[in-house]
């Protein structure tokens, strides 16, 4: 029996590592990654050192970020296949990082796109061994 999905508040209260783990599990469960986009492309967050693309495991979590300056943005699903084959190389080429499932305080683990790709492959392989 599947466990019920945690509430938005519960996920928002997870620490950075818990949100990263949740992100990876959900991406593999649903074979998609979620972004916020507008007519100019995807939403970007900036740190002192990096320009980052925030990614979420669901439409609900992504859309929860569409407030204030991003209220005009829409959640957009990217298939896992397109994420791995198109987005990951494109983000690497553009020297962009990823913020894994940022919370309402704009906190999240910053990853190189290849790091996330490697984590997804490792988690998928681990799942296959358990079956």
N, C-alpha and C. Protein backbone atom coordinates (compact mmCIF):
# COMPACT_ATOMS: atom_id res chain seq x y z
N UNK A 1 0.83 -1.18 0.00
CA UNK A 1 0.00 0.00 0.00
C UNK A 1 0.88 1.25 0.00
N UNK A 2 0.54 2.22 -0.88
CA UNK A 2 1.31 3.44 -0.96
C UNK A 2 0.98 4.37 0.19
N UNK A 3 2.01 5.05 0.66
CA UNK A 3 1.79 6.04 1.71
C UNK A 3 1.19 7.29 1.09
N UNK A 4 0.35 8.02 1.85
CA UNK A 4 -0.21 9.26 1.31
C UNK A 4 0.89 10.30 1.09
N UNK A 5 0.65 11.17 0.13
CA UNK A 5 1.61 12.24 -0.15
C UNK A 5 1.69 13.19 1.04
N UNK A 6 2.88 13.63 1.41
CA UNK A 6 2.98 14.61 2.49
C UNK A 6 2.38 15.95 2.05
N UNK A 7 1.94 16.73 3.00
CA UNK A 7 1.37 18.04 2.68
C UNK A 7 2.46 19.01 2.24
N UNK A 8 2.03 20.09 1.59
CA UNK A 8 2.99 21.12 1.17
C UNK A 8 3.77 21.66 2.37
N UNK A 9 3.07 21.86 3.47
CA UNK A 9 3.72 22.39 4.67
C UNK A 9 4.75 21.41 5.20
N UNK A 10 4.43 20.14 5.18
CA UNK A 10 5.37 19.11 5.64
C UNK A 10 6.63 19.13 4.78
N UNK A 11 6.46 19.16 3.46
CA UNK A 11 7.61 19.18 2.55
C UNK A 11 8.41 20.45 2.74
N UNK A 12 7.71 21.59 2.91
CA UNK A 12 8.40 22.87 3.12
C UNK A 12 9.24 22.84 4.39
N UNK A 13 8.81 22.06 5.37
CA UNK A 13 9.55 21.97 6.63
C UNK A 13 10.66 20.93 6.61
N UNK A 14 10.72 20.09 5.57
CA UNK A 14 11.84 19.15 5.45
C UNK A 14 13.15 19.94 5.41
N UNK A 15 14.23 19.33 5.88
CA UNK A 15 15.53 19.98 5.69
C UNK A 15 15.96 19.78 4.23
N UNK A 16 17.04 20.43 3.85
CA UNK A 16 17.48 20.40 2.44
C UNK A 16 17.70 18.98 1.94
N UNK A 17 18.33 18.14 2.75
CA UNK A 17 18.62 16.76 2.33
C UNK A 17 17.33 15.95 2.16
N UNK A 18 16.37 16.16 3.05
CA UNK A 18 15.09 15.46 2.94
C UNK A 18 14.35 15.88 1.67
N UNK A 19 14.39 17.17 1.34
CA UNK A 19 13.72 17.62 0.11
C UNK A 19 14.43 17.07 -1.12
N UNK A 20 15.76 16.96 -1.08
CA UNK A 20 16.48 16.38 -2.20
C UNK A 20 16.09 14.91 -2.38
N UNK A 21 16.06 14.16 -1.28
CA UNK A 21 15.66 12.76 -1.35
C UNK A 21 14.24 12.63 -1.89
N UNK A 22 13.34 13.47 -1.39
CA UNK A 22 11.95 13.45 -1.86
C UNK A 22 11.89 13.77 -3.35
N UNK A 23 12.64 14.76 -3.78
CA UNK A 23 12.69 15.13 -5.20
C UNK A 23 13.09 13.94 -6.06
N UNK A 24 14.16 13.27 -5.70
CA UNK A 24 14.65 12.13 -6.49
C UNK A 24 13.62 11.01 -6.51
N UNK A 25 13.03 10.69 -5.36
CA UNK A 25 12.02 9.63 -5.31
C UNK A 25 10.84 9.96 -6.22
N UNK A 26 10.37 11.18 -6.14
CA UNK A 26 9.18 11.56 -6.91
C UNK A 26 9.47 11.67 -8.40
N UNK A 27 10.65 12.15 -8.77
CA UNK A 27 11.02 12.20 -10.19
C UNK A 27 10.99 10.78 -10.75
N UNK A 28 11.55 9.83 -10.02
CA UNK A 28 11.56 8.45 -10.49
C UNK A 28 10.17 7.83 -10.48
N UNK A 29 9.34 8.19 -9.51
CA UNK A 29 7.97 7.66 -9.45
C UNK A 29 7.13 8.14 -10.62
N UNK A 30 7.30 9.40 -11.01
CA UNK A 30 6.42 10.01 -12.01
C UNK A 30 7.11 10.29 -13.35
N UNK A 31 8.41 10.05 -13.43
CA UNK A 31 9.18 10.26 -14.66
C UNK A 31 9.05 11.67 -15.20
N UNK A 32 9.05 12.66 -14.30
CA UNK A 32 9.02 14.04 -14.73
C UNK A 32 9.63 14.95 -13.68
N UNK A 33 10.11 16.09 -14.18
CA UNK A 33 10.69 17.15 -13.38
C UNK A 33 9.83 18.39 -13.65
N UNK A 34 9.60 19.20 -12.62
CA UNK A 34 8.76 20.39 -12.78
C UNK A 34 9.56 21.66 -12.61
N UNK A 35 9.27 22.64 -13.47
CA UNK A 35 9.88 23.96 -13.44
C UNK A 35 8.78 25.01 -13.42
N UNK A 36 9.16 26.24 -13.15
CA UNK A 36 8.26 27.37 -13.36
C UNK A 36 8.76 28.12 -14.58
N UNK A 37 7.85 28.44 -15.49
CA UNK A 37 8.24 29.13 -16.72
C UNK A 37 7.33 30.32 -16.99
N UNK A 38 7.85 31.23 -17.80
CA UNK A 38 7.05 32.34 -18.33
C UNK A 38 7.45 32.52 -19.79
N UNK A 39 7.04 33.63 -20.38
CA UNK A 39 7.32 33.84 -21.81
C UNK A 39 8.82 33.97 -22.10
N UNK A 40 9.64 34.18 -21.08
CA UNK A 40 11.08 34.33 -21.27
C UNK A 40 11.87 33.06 -21.01
N UNK A 41 11.21 32.04 -20.49
CA UNK A 41 11.90 30.78 -20.17
C UNK A 41 11.61 30.37 -18.74
N UNK A 42 12.55 29.65 -18.15
CA UNK A 42 12.31 29.15 -16.80
C UNK A 42 12.78 30.15 -15.75
N UNK A 43 12.16 30.08 -14.59
CA UNK A 43 12.52 30.93 -13.45
C UNK A 43 13.94 30.60 -13.03
N UNK A 44 14.68 31.64 -12.68
CA UNK A 44 16.05 31.47 -12.22
C UNK A 44 16.18 32.06 -10.83
N UNK A 45 16.99 31.44 -10.01
CA UNK A 45 17.37 31.98 -8.72
C UNK A 45 18.87 32.27 -8.78
N UNK A 46 19.28 33.29 -8.08
CA UNK A 46 20.69 33.67 -8.11
C UNK A 46 21.26 33.64 -6.71
N UNK A 47 22.46 33.06 -6.59
CA UNK A 47 23.22 33.13 -5.35
C UNK A 47 24.41 34.03 -5.64
N UNK A 48 25.26 34.23 -4.66
CA UNK A 48 26.46 35.03 -4.89
C UNK A 48 27.35 34.40 -5.94
N UNK A 49 27.31 33.07 -6.03
CA UNK A 49 28.23 32.35 -6.90
C UNK A 49 27.60 31.74 -8.15
N UNK A 50 26.28 31.52 -8.13
CA UNK A 50 25.68 30.72 -9.19
C UNK A 50 24.33 31.26 -9.65
N UNK A 51 24.04 30.99 -10.92
CA UNK A 51 22.69 31.15 -11.44
C UNK A 51 22.08 29.76 -11.44
N UNK A 52 20.88 29.64 -10.88
CA UNK A 52 20.31 28.32 -10.63
C UNK A 52 18.89 28.22 -11.19
N UNK A 53 18.56 27.03 -11.65
CA UNK A 53 17.21 26.69 -12.08
C UNK A 53 16.59 25.85 -10.96
N UNK A 54 15.52 26.36 -10.33
CA UNK A 54 14.86 25.55 -9.31
C UNK A 54 14.02 24.46 -9.96
N UNK A 55 14.04 23.27 -9.39
CA UNK A 55 13.25 22.14 -9.88
C UNK A 55 12.46 21.54 -8.74
N UNK A 56 11.28 21.04 -9.08
CA UNK A 56 10.37 20.47 -8.08
C UNK A 56 9.89 19.11 -8.57
N UNK A 57 9.39 18.28 -7.64
CA UNK A 57 8.92 16.94 -8.00
C UNK A 57 7.46 16.89 -8.43
N UNK A 58 6.74 18.02 -8.32
CA UNK A 58 5.31 17.98 -8.67
C UNK A 58 4.83 19.36 -9.12
N UNK A 59 3.71 19.34 -9.82
CA UNK A 59 3.09 20.58 -10.26
C UNK A 59 2.67 21.42 -9.06
N UNK A 60 2.11 20.77 -8.05
CA UNK A 60 1.63 21.48 -6.86
C UNK A 60 2.77 22.25 -6.18
N UNK A 61 3.92 21.61 -6.01
CA UNK A 61 5.05 22.28 -5.37
C UNK A 61 5.60 23.40 -6.23
N UNK A 62 5.70 23.18 -7.53
CA UNK A 62 6.20 24.23 -8.41
C UNK A 62 5.23 25.42 -8.41
N UNK A 63 3.95 25.13 -8.54
CA UNK A 63 2.95 26.20 -8.62
C UNK A 63 2.86 26.97 -7.31
N UNK A 64 3.19 26.35 -6.19
CA UNK A 64 3.19 27.04 -4.90
C UNK A 64 4.19 28.19 -4.89
N UNK A 65 5.16 28.14 -5.77
CA UNK A 65 6.17 29.20 -5.88
C UNK A 65 5.71 30.35 -6.77
N UNK A 66 4.62 30.16 -7.49
CA UNK A 66 4.14 31.19 -8.43
C UNK A 66 3.40 32.28 -7.68
N UNK A 67 4.14 33.01 -6.85
CA UNK A 67 3.58 34.11 -6.06
C UNK A 67 4.42 35.36 -6.29
N UNK A 68 3.96 36.46 -5.83
CA UNK A 68 4.60 37.77 -5.94
C UNK A 68 5.26 37.97 -7.30
N UNK A 69 6.59 38.06 -7.36
CA UNK A 69 7.23 38.37 -8.63
C UNK A 69 7.08 37.25 -9.68
N UNK A 70 6.69 36.05 -9.26
CA UNK A 70 6.53 34.93 -10.20
C UNK A 70 5.06 34.53 -10.37
N UNK A 71 4.13 35.38 -9.96
CA UNK A 71 2.72 34.99 -10.02
C UNK A 71 2.23 34.75 -11.45
N UNK A 72 2.92 35.30 -12.43
CA UNK A 72 2.55 35.10 -13.83
C UNK A 72 3.11 33.79 -14.41
N UNK A 73 3.92 33.10 -13.65
CA UNK A 73 4.57 31.88 -14.14
C UNK A 73 3.65 30.67 -14.03
N UNK A 74 3.94 29.69 -14.85
CA UNK A 74 3.18 28.43 -14.87
C UNK A 74 4.12 27.27 -14.60
N UNK A 75 3.61 26.28 -13.90
CA UNK A 75 4.37 25.04 -13.70
C UNK A 75 4.42 24.28 -15.02
N UNK A 76 5.58 23.77 -15.35
CA UNK A 76 5.74 23.01 -16.59
C UNK A 76 6.47 21.70 -16.30
N UNK A 77 5.89 20.62 -16.77
CA UNK A 77 6.51 19.29 -16.61
C UNK A 77 7.50 19.05 -17.74
N UNK A 78 8.62 18.47 -17.38
CA UNK A 78 9.63 18.02 -18.34
C UNK A 78 9.77 16.52 -18.12
N UNK A 79 9.60 15.74 -19.17
CA UNK A 79 9.75 14.29 -18.99
C UNK A 79 11.17 13.98 -18.52
N UNK A 80 11.31 12.91 -17.76
CA UNK A 80 12.62 12.52 -17.27
C UNK A 80 13.57 12.28 -18.44
N UNK A 81 13.06 11.68 -19.50
CA UNK A 81 13.90 11.43 -20.68
C UNK A 81 14.42 12.75 -21.27
N UNK A 82 13.52 13.73 -21.45
CA UNK A 82 13.96 15.03 -21.97
C UNK A 82 14.90 15.73 -20.99
N UNK A 83 14.61 15.58 -19.70
CA UNK A 83 15.48 16.19 -18.69
C UNK A 83 16.90 15.65 -18.83
N UNK A 84 17.02 14.33 -18.92
CA UNK A 84 18.35 13.72 -18.99
C UNK A 84 19.04 13.98 -20.33
N UNK A 85 18.26 13.94 -21.43
CA UNK A 85 18.87 14.03 -22.75
C UNK A 85 19.04 15.45 -23.29
N UNK A 86 18.18 16.37 -22.86
CA UNK A 86 18.22 17.73 -23.40
C UNK A 86 18.58 18.77 -22.34
N UNK A 87 17.84 18.76 -21.24
CA UNK A 87 18.01 19.80 -20.23
C UNK A 87 19.35 19.70 -19.52
N UNK A 88 19.73 18.51 -19.07
CA UNK A 88 20.99 18.37 -18.35
C UNK A 88 22.17 18.86 -19.18
N UNK A 89 22.32 18.39 -20.44
CA UNK A 89 23.44 18.92 -21.23
C UNK A 89 23.33 20.43 -21.49
N UNK A 90 22.12 20.92 -21.69
CA UNK A 90 21.93 22.35 -21.93
C UNK A 90 22.29 23.20 -20.72
N UNK A 91 21.90 22.74 -19.53
CA UNK A 91 22.24 23.46 -18.31
C UNK A 91 23.75 23.46 -18.08
N UNK A 92 24.38 22.33 -18.35
CA UNK A 92 25.84 22.24 -18.21
C UNK A 92 26.51 23.21 -19.19
N UNK A 93 26.05 23.19 -20.42
CA UNK A 93 26.62 24.08 -21.45
C UNK A 93 26.45 25.55 -21.08
N UNK A 94 25.31 25.89 -20.48
CA UNK A 94 25.03 27.28 -20.08
C UNK A 94 25.62 27.63 -18.72
N UNK A 95 26.33 26.69 -18.11
CA UNK A 95 26.96 26.89 -16.81
C UNK A 95 25.95 27.29 -15.73
N UNK A 96 24.81 26.57 -15.71
CA UNK A 96 23.76 26.81 -14.73
C UNK A 96 23.73 25.66 -13.74
N UNK A 97 23.36 25.97 -12.52
CA UNK A 97 23.20 24.96 -11.48
C UNK A 97 21.71 24.70 -11.28
N UNK A 98 21.41 23.76 -10.41
CA UNK A 98 20.03 23.38 -10.07
C UNK A 98 19.84 23.60 -8.57
N UNK A 99 18.67 24.12 -8.20
CA UNK A 99 18.28 24.15 -6.79
C UNK A 99 17.23 23.07 -6.62
N UNK A 100 17.52 22.10 -5.76
CA UNK A 100 16.64 20.95 -5.57
C UNK A 100 15.50 21.30 -4.63
N UNK A 101 14.29 21.39 -5.19
CA UNK A 101 13.06 21.56 -4.42
C UNK A 101 13.20 22.64 -3.34
N UNK A 102 13.45 23.89 -3.76
CA UNK A 102 13.61 24.94 -2.75
C UNK A 102 12.35 25.14 -1.93
N UNK A 103 12.54 25.50 -0.67
CA UNK A 103 11.39 25.73 0.20
C UNK A 103 10.95 27.19 0.12
N UNK A 104 9.99 27.57 0.94
CA UNK A 104 9.44 28.92 0.87
C UNK A 104 10.45 29.98 1.30
N UNK A 105 11.53 29.57 1.96
CA UNK A 105 12.60 30.51 2.34
C UNK A 105 13.70 30.55 1.28
N UNK A 106 13.42 29.98 0.10
CA UNK A 106 14.35 29.92 -1.03
C UNK A 106 15.62 29.15 -0.68
N UNK A 107 15.49 28.16 0.18
CA UNK A 107 16.62 27.32 0.55
C UNK A 107 16.49 25.96 -0.13
N UNK A 108 17.61 25.46 -0.57
CA UNK A 108 17.66 24.14 -1.18
C UNK A 108 19.10 23.81 -1.54
N UNK A 109 19.37 22.56 -1.73
CA UNK A 109 20.71 22.13 -2.11
C UNK A 109 20.96 22.54 -3.55
N UNK A 110 22.11 23.15 -3.78
CA UNK A 110 22.52 23.54 -5.14
C UNK A 110 23.40 22.42 -5.69
N UNK A 111 23.01 21.97 -6.87
CA UNK A 111 23.72 20.86 -7.51
C UNK A 111 24.14 21.24 -8.92
N UNK A 112 25.22 20.65 -9.35
CA UNK A 112 25.57 20.68 -10.75
C UNK A 112 24.56 19.77 -11.46
N UNK A 113 24.11 20.11 -12.67
CA UNK A 113 23.13 19.26 -13.35
C UNK A 113 23.57 17.80 -13.49
N UNK A 114 24.86 17.57 -13.68
CA UNK A 114 25.34 16.20 -13.80
C UNK A 114 25.23 15.45 -12.48
N UNK A 115 25.39 16.17 -11.36
CA UNK A 115 25.21 15.54 -10.05
C UNK A 115 23.80 14.99 -9.89
N UNK A 116 22.80 15.80 -10.27
CA UNK A 116 21.41 15.34 -10.17
C UNK A 116 21.20 14.15 -11.11
N UNK A 117 21.72 14.23 -12.32
CA UNK A 117 21.57 13.12 -13.27
C UNK A 117 22.18 11.84 -12.70
N UNK A 118 23.35 11.96 -12.10
CA UNK A 118 24.01 10.78 -11.51
C UNK A 118 23.21 10.23 -10.32
N UNK A 119 22.65 11.12 -9.51
CA UNK A 119 21.83 10.68 -8.38
C UNK A 119 20.59 9.94 -8.85
N UNK A 120 19.98 10.43 -9.92
CA UNK A 120 18.79 9.76 -10.46
C UNK A 120 19.12 8.38 -11.00
N UNK A 121 20.24 8.26 -11.70
CA UNK A 121 20.65 6.95 -12.23
C UNK A 121 20.96 5.99 -11.08
N UNK A 122 21.69 6.46 -10.08
CA UNK A 122 22.03 5.62 -8.92
C UNK A 122 20.77 5.15 -8.20
N UNK A 123 19.83 6.07 -7.98
CA UNK A 123 18.58 5.70 -7.28
C UNK A 123 17.75 4.74 -8.12
N UNK A 124 17.72 4.94 -9.42
CA UNK A 124 16.96 4.04 -10.30
C UNK A 124 17.59 2.64 -10.29
N UNK A 125 18.90 2.57 -10.33
CA UNK A 125 19.59 1.27 -10.28
C UNK A 125 19.34 0.57 -8.95
N UNK A 126 19.34 1.32 -7.87
CA UNK A 126 19.08 0.75 -6.55
C UNK A 126 17.66 0.19 -6.49
N UNK A 127 16.71 0.91 -7.07
CA UNK A 127 15.32 0.41 -7.10
C UNK A 127 15.22 -0.89 -7.88
N UNK A 128 15.91 -0.96 -9.01
CA UNK A 128 15.84 -2.17 -9.84
C UNK A 128 16.42 -3.37 -9.11
N UNK A 129 17.47 -3.15 -8.34
CA UNK A 129 18.07 -4.27 -7.59
C UNK A 129 17.13 -4.79 -6.51
N UNK A 130 16.28 -3.91 -5.96
CA UNK A 130 15.35 -4.31 -4.91
C UNK A 130 14.17 -5.09 -5.46
N UNK A 131 13.90 -4.98 -6.75
CA UNK A 131 12.72 -5.66 -7.33
C UNK A 131 12.99 -7.10 -7.63
